Structure formats: C-alpha cells, structure tokens
Amino acid sequence: GRAGELVVVLPDGVRSDVSAHIDGPGQIDLPDHSSGGFDTDLDGVYGSGPSTVTLDTRLSAGHIDVRSAR
C-alpha cells in the first residue's frame, strides 16, 4: 500500500513467517518487537502448526501492526 495503517491478526495453529517494510516514515509493531523511523524492516516467525503462512507487508508510509490472535 501507499500510506495508512495495516493491521494483520495471525491465525492460531499455523506457523506465520512475517516480513514487514515501510519505505518512508512509519512504525512497525510485531508480537515480540517494534521499530520506527524511515526505511524500516522487521521480520519474525510466530506460532506453530503443520502449515506455514508467508506474509510480506509493505507500505510507503504509515503503520504496520501484526498481532497474534490471543
């Protein structure tokens, strides 16, 4: 997306491989860490299960908030 807020709720019972990137100003919040500023990247793997969901989230500016379902 260009600018805005992106909220992702991770599913239970599934391994989630998350990559988050904001090109310009913004904040990224993952279940276990956060970072903000300009040109920010964070990655993490959350949950467990027989399947894996891969999430590649990108914004030009704004807020990416990745939450666990619990």
N, C-alpha and C. Protein backbone atom coordinates (compact mmCIF):
# COMPACT_ATOMS: atom_id res chain seq x y z
N GLY A 1 0.81 -1.18 0.00
CA GLY A 1 0.00 0.00 0.00
C GLY A 1 0.86 1.25 0.00
N ARG A 2 0.22 2.34 -0.19
CA ARG A 2 0.93 3.62 -0.20
C ARG A 2 1.08 4.17 1.21
N ALA A 3 0.01 4.67 1.78
CA ALA A 3 0.07 5.24 3.13
C ALA A 3 -1.15 4.79 3.90
N GLY A 4 -0.98 4.58 5.19
CA GLY A 4 -2.10 4.19 6.01
C GLY A 4 -1.70 3.26 7.12
N GLU A 5 -2.70 2.55 7.64
CA GLU A 5 -2.47 1.59 8.71
C GLU A 5 -2.89 0.21 8.24
N LEU A 6 -2.00 -0.75 8.43
CA LEU A 6 -2.26 -2.13 8.05
C LEU A 6 -2.21 -2.97 9.32
N VAL A 7 -3.33 -3.64 9.64
CA VAL A 7 -3.41 -4.49 10.82
C VAL A 7 -3.61 -5.92 10.36
N VAL A 8 -2.73 -6.82 10.84
CA VAL A 8 -2.81 -8.24 10.50
C VAL A 8 -2.94 -9.03 11.80
N VAL A 9 -3.93 -9.91 11.88
CA VAL A 9 -4.09 -10.80 13.03
C VAL A 9 -3.67 -12.19 12.58
N LEU A 10 -2.62 -12.72 13.22
CA LEU A 10 -2.08 -14.02 12.84
C LEU A 10 -3.01 -15.14 13.27
N PRO A 11 -3.21 -16.15 12.42
CA PRO A 11 -4.11 -17.26 12.76
C PRO A 11 -3.49 -18.20 13.80
N ASP A 12 -4.34 -18.79 14.62
CA ASP A 12 -3.90 -19.83 15.57
C ASP A 12 -3.63 -21.12 14.82
N GLY A 13 -2.71 -21.93 15.33
CA GLY A 13 -2.47 -23.26 14.78
C GLY A 13 -1.74 -23.27 13.46
N VAL A 14 -1.13 -22.14 13.09
CA VAL A 14 -0.40 -22.02 11.83
C VAL A 14 0.90 -21.29 12.11
N ARG A 15 1.98 -21.74 11.50
CA ARG A 15 3.25 -21.03 11.59
C ARG A 15 3.17 -19.84 10.62
N SER A 16 3.51 -18.65 11.11
CA SER A 16 3.44 -17.44 10.29
C SER A 16 4.83 -16.84 10.13
N ASP A 17 5.28 -16.73 8.88
CA ASP A 17 6.56 -16.14 8.54
C ASP A 17 6.27 -14.72 8.05
N VAL A 18 6.64 -13.71 8.86
CA VAL A 18 6.23 -12.33 8.61
C VAL A 18 7.42 -11.48 8.20
N SER A 19 7.24 -10.70 7.13
CA SER A 19 8.21 -9.70 6.70
C SER A 19 7.45 -8.38 6.58
N ALA A 20 7.95 -7.33 7.23
CA ALA A 20 7.29 -6.02 7.18
C ALA A 20 8.30 -4.95 6.77
N HIS A 21 7.89 -4.06 5.86
CA HIS A 21 8.77 -3.00 5.38
C HIS A 21 7.98 -1.72 5.15
N ILE A 22 8.54 -0.60 5.62
CA ILE A 22 7.98 0.72 5.33
C ILE A 22 9.10 1.54 4.70
N ASP A 23 8.86 2.04 3.47
CA ASP A 23 9.87 2.80 2.73
C ASP A 23 10.18 4.15 3.38
N GLY A 24 9.16 4.86 3.79
CA GLY A 24 9.32 6.21 4.35
C GLY A 24 9.10 6.22 5.84
N PRO A 25 8.47 7.27 6.35
CA PRO A 25 8.24 7.37 7.79
C PRO A 25 7.16 6.40 8.26
N GLY A 26 7.40 5.79 9.43
CA GLY A 26 6.38 4.89 9.95
C GLY A 26 6.84 4.08 11.13
N GLN A 27 5.95 3.17 11.55
CA GLN A 27 6.16 2.32 12.72
C GLN A 27 5.73 0.91 12.37
N ILE A 28 6.54 -0.08 12.77
CA ILE A 28 6.19 -1.48 12.62
C ILE A 28 6.12 -2.10 14.01
N ASP A 29 5.01 -2.77 14.31
CA ASP A 29 4.84 -3.47 15.57
C ASP A 29 4.57 -4.95 15.28
N LEU A 30 5.49 -5.81 15.71
CA LEU A 30 5.33 -7.25 15.62
C LEU A 30 5.05 -7.77 17.03
N PRO A 31 4.60 -9.01 17.17
CA PRO A 31 4.27 -9.51 18.52
C PRO A 31 5.41 -9.44 19.52
N ASP A 32 6.67 -9.52 19.06
CA ASP A 32 7.78 -9.54 20.01
C ASP A 32 8.74 -8.35 19.91
N HIS A 33 8.56 -7.46 18.95
CA HIS A 33 9.40 -6.27 18.88
C HIS A 33 8.80 -5.22 17.95
N SER A 34 9.32 -3.99 18.09
CA SER A 34 8.82 -2.84 17.32
C SER A 34 9.99 -2.02 16.82
N SER A 35 9.73 -1.24 15.78
CA SER A 35 10.74 -0.32 15.27
C SER A 35 10.03 0.79 14.50
N GLY A 36 10.62 1.97 14.52
CA GLY A 36 10.04 3.10 13.80
C GLY A 36 11.13 3.98 13.22
N GLY A 37 10.72 4.90 12.36
CA GLY A 37 11.65 5.81 11.72
C GLY A 37 11.42 5.83 10.22
N PHE A 38 12.51 5.93 9.46
CA PHE A 38 12.45 5.92 8.00
C PHE A 38 13.10 4.64 7.48
N ASP A 39 12.52 4.06 6.43
CA ASP A 39 13.05 2.86 5.78
C ASP A 39 13.27 1.74 6.81
N THR A 40 12.17 1.27 7.38
CA THR A 40 12.20 0.30 8.47
C THR A 40 11.83 -1.10 7.97
N ASP A 41 12.58 -2.10 8.44
CA ASP A 41 12.32 -3.51 8.13
C ASP A 41 12.30 -4.32 9.42
N LEU A 42 11.35 -5.24 9.54
CA LEU A 42 11.34 -6.22 10.63
C LEU A 42 10.85 -7.55 10.07
N ASP A 43 11.36 -8.63 10.62
CA ASP A 43 10.96 -9.97 10.24
C ASP A 43 10.78 -10.81 11.49
N GLY A 44 9.94 -11.83 11.40
CA GLY A 44 9.78 -12.76 12.52
C GLY A 44 8.96 -13.97 12.11
N VAL A 45 9.10 -15.02 12.90
CA VAL A 45 8.32 -16.24 12.71
C VAL A 45 7.56 -16.48 14.00
N TYR A 46 6.24 -16.72 13.87
CA TYR A 46 5.36 -16.82 15.03
C TYR A 46 4.45 -18.03 14.90
N GLY A 47 4.14 -18.62 16.05
CA GLY A 47 3.21 -19.75 16.09
C GLY A 47 3.85 -21.04 15.61
N SER A 48 3.03 -22.07 15.63
CA SER A 48 3.47 -23.38 15.15
C SER A 48 2.27 -24.13 14.62
N GLY A 49 2.55 -25.07 13.76
CA GLY A 49 1.48 -25.87 13.18
C GLY A 49 1.98 -26.57 11.94
N PRO A 50 1.13 -27.38 11.33
CA PRO A 50 1.53 -28.17 10.18
C PRO A 50 1.69 -27.36 8.89
N SER A 51 1.15 -26.15 8.86
CA SER A 51 1.21 -25.31 7.67
C SER A 51 1.91 -24.00 7.99
N THR A 52 2.43 -23.35 6.95
CA THR A 52 3.09 -22.05 7.11
C THR A 52 2.40 -21.03 6.20
N VAL A 53 2.10 -19.87 6.78
CA VAL A 53 1.58 -18.73 6.03
C VAL A 53 2.72 -17.74 5.91
N THR A 54 3.01 -17.26 4.70
CA THR A 54 4.05 -16.27 4.50
C THR A 54 3.38 -14.92 4.21
N LEU A 55 3.72 -13.91 5.03
CA LEU A 55 3.15 -12.58 4.88
C LEU A 55 4.25 -11.59 4.54
N ASP A 56 4.11 -10.88 3.43
CA ASP A 56 5.06 -9.85 3.02
C ASP A 56 4.27 -8.54 2.98
N THR A 57 4.43 -7.72 4.02
CA THR A 57 3.67 -6.48 4.12
C THR A 57 4.58 -5.30 3.80
N ARG A 58 4.05 -4.35 3.02
CA ARG A 58 4.84 -3.18 2.60
C ARG A 58 3.93 -1.95 2.53
N LEU A 59 4.46 -0.85 3.04
CA LEU A 59 3.80 0.45 2.91
C LEU A 59 4.85 1.49 2.51
N SER A 60 4.40 2.56 1.87
CA SER A 60 5.28 3.70 1.61
C SER A 60 5.45 4.53 2.86
N ALA A 61 4.37 4.69 3.63
CA ALA A 61 4.40 5.44 4.89
C ALA A 61 3.22 4.97 5.74
N GLY A 62 3.41 4.95 7.07
CA GLY A 62 2.30 4.60 7.94
C GLY A 62 2.67 3.65 9.06
N HIS A 63 1.74 2.72 9.35
CA HIS A 63 1.88 1.83 10.50
C HIS A 63 1.48 0.42 10.09
N ILE A 64 2.38 -0.55 10.36
CA ILE A 64 2.07 -1.96 10.18
C ILE A 64 2.01 -2.58 11.57
N ASP A 65 0.86 -3.16 11.90
CA ASP A 65 0.64 -3.76 13.22
C ASP A 65 0.28 -5.23 13.03
N VAL A 66 1.19 -6.13 13.40
CA VAL A 66 0.97 -7.57 13.28
C VAL A 66 0.73 -8.11 14.70
N ARG A 67 -0.43 -8.74 14.93
CA ARG A 67 -0.85 -9.19 16.26
C ARG A 67 -1.10 -10.68 16.25
N SER A 68 -0.84 -11.31 17.38
CA SER A 68 -1.24 -12.72 17.49
C SER A 68 -2.73 -12.74 17.86
N ALA A 69 -3.41 -13.84 17.54
CA ALA A 69 -4.84 -13.94 17.77
C ALA A 69 -5.18 -14.01 19.25
N ARG A 70 -4.24 -14.34 20.10
CA ARG A 70 -4.50 -14.47 21.54
C ARG A 70 -4.24 -13.21 22.27
